[in-house]
């Protein structure tokens, strides 16, 4: 149960991270490791919640990596549209 509370606190805390898209995934990875505890060691109810939390963390990681790729593409587009004069 404590692991699921820690997971929820980490998730809520992720809203306050000061970072760019593509840099959040390590935080979500830590959340995934926290979700493994109830998944492996918990009774059925907590094990199912742990599996759900692990799946959610995986989705967040993939979404952040995709957002980071998109952010980098936009940055390159902007840099190429406005070349620096030397």
Protein backbone atom coordinates (compact mmCIF):
# COMPACT_ATOMS: atom_id res chain seq x y z
CA UNK A 1 0.00 0.00 0.00
CA UNK A 2 2.80 2.41 0.88
CA UNK A 3 4.37 1.92 -2.55
CA UNK A 4 1.12 2.93 -4.24
CA UNK A 5 0.96 6.07 -2.10
CA UNK A 6 4.56 6.88 -3.04
CA UNK A 7 3.63 6.27 -6.68
CA UNK A 8 0.73 8.72 -6.41
CA UNK A 9 2.94 11.35 -4.74
CA UNK A 10 5.55 10.94 -7.50
CA UNK A 11 2.86 11.30 -10.14
CA UNK A 12 1.45 14.48 -8.60
CA UNK A 13 4.98 15.83 -8.13
CA UNK A 14 5.73 15.26 -11.81
CA UNK A 15 3.43 18.18 -12.61
CA UNK A 16 5.93 20.49 -10.91
CA UNK A 17 9.06 19.31 -12.73
CA UNK A 18 10.81 22.12 -14.55
CA UNK A 19 11.96 20.42 -17.69
CA UNK A 20 11.36 20.21 -21.42
CA UNK A 21 9.47 17.43 -23.16
CA UNK A 22 11.66 14.37 -23.48
CA UNK A 23 13.37 14.89 -20.12
CA UNK A 24 10.60 13.59 -17.86
CA UNK A 25 10.98 9.91 -18.73
CA UNK A 26 13.56 9.13 -15.97
CA UNK A 27 11.03 10.35 -13.40
CA UNK A 28 8.36 8.09 -14.91
CA UNK A 29 10.86 5.22 -14.92
CA UNK A 30 11.35 5.64 -11.18
CA UNK A 31 7.57 5.58 -10.82
CA UNK A 32 7.55 2.29 -12.75
CA UNK A 33 10.09 0.77 -10.38
CA UNK A 34 7.96 1.86 -7.41
CA UNK A 35 4.96 0.16 -9.06
CA UNK A 36 6.90 -3.12 -9.22
CA UNK A 37 6.81 -3.52 -5.43
CA UNK A 38 3.04 -4.05 -5.09
CA UNK A 39 2.98 -5.92 -8.39
CA UNK A 40 5.49 -8.50 -7.17
CA UNK A 41 4.98 -8.54 -3.41
CA UNK A 42 1.39 -7.42 -2.88
CA UNK A 43 -1.80 -9.40 -2.51
CA UNK A 44 -3.97 -9.71 -5.61
CA UNK A 45 -5.74 -6.35 -5.22
CA UNK A 46 -2.47 -4.45 -4.83
CA UNK A 47 -0.80 -6.56 -7.46
CA UNK A 48 -3.46 -5.52 -9.99
CA UNK A 49 -3.06 -1.86 -8.99
CA UNK A 50 0.71 -2.25 -9.36
CA UNK A 51 0.24 -3.68 -12.86
CA UNK A 52 -2.03 -0.78 -13.75
CA UNK A 53 0.49 1.72 -12.36
CA UNK A 54 3.33 0.06 -14.27
CA UNK A 55 1.32 0.21 -17.48
CA UNK A 56 0.52 3.87 -16.86
CA UNK A 57 4.22 4.62 -16.25
CA UNK A 58 5.11 2.90 -19.52
CA UNK A 59 2.55 5.00 -21.38
CA UNK A 60 3.92 8.16 -19.76
CA UNK A 61 7.47 7.22 -20.77
CA UNK A 62 6.48 6.59 -24.38
CA UNK A 63 4.43 9.78 -24.53
CA UNK A 64 7.30 11.82 -23.10
CA UNK A 65 9.83 10.36 -25.53
CA UNK A 66 7.45 11.14 -28.39
CA UNK A 67 6.90 14.68 -27.09
CA UNK A 68 10.66 15.13 -26.80
CA UNK A 69 11.18 14.02 -30.39
CA UNK A 70 8.46 16.43 -31.53
CA UNK A 71 10.00 19.25 -29.46
CA UNK A 72 13.44 18.63 -31.01
CA UNK A 73 11.95 18.66 -34.51
CA UNK A 74 10.26 22.00 -33.81
CA UNK A 75 13.49 23.41 -32.42
CA UNK A 76 15.43 22.34 -35.52
CA UNK A 77 12.72 23.80 -37.75
CA UNK A 78 12.93 27.14 -35.95
CA UNK A 79 16.74 27.17 -36.02
CA UNK A 80 16.77 26.43 -39.77
CA UNK A 81 14.13 29.07 -40.49
CA UNK A 82 16.12 31.78 -38.71
CA UNK A 83 19.83 31.19 -39.42
CA UNK A 84 22.30 33.06 -37.26
CA UNK A 85 24.35 35.73 -38.97
CA UNK A 86 28.06 35.48 -38.25
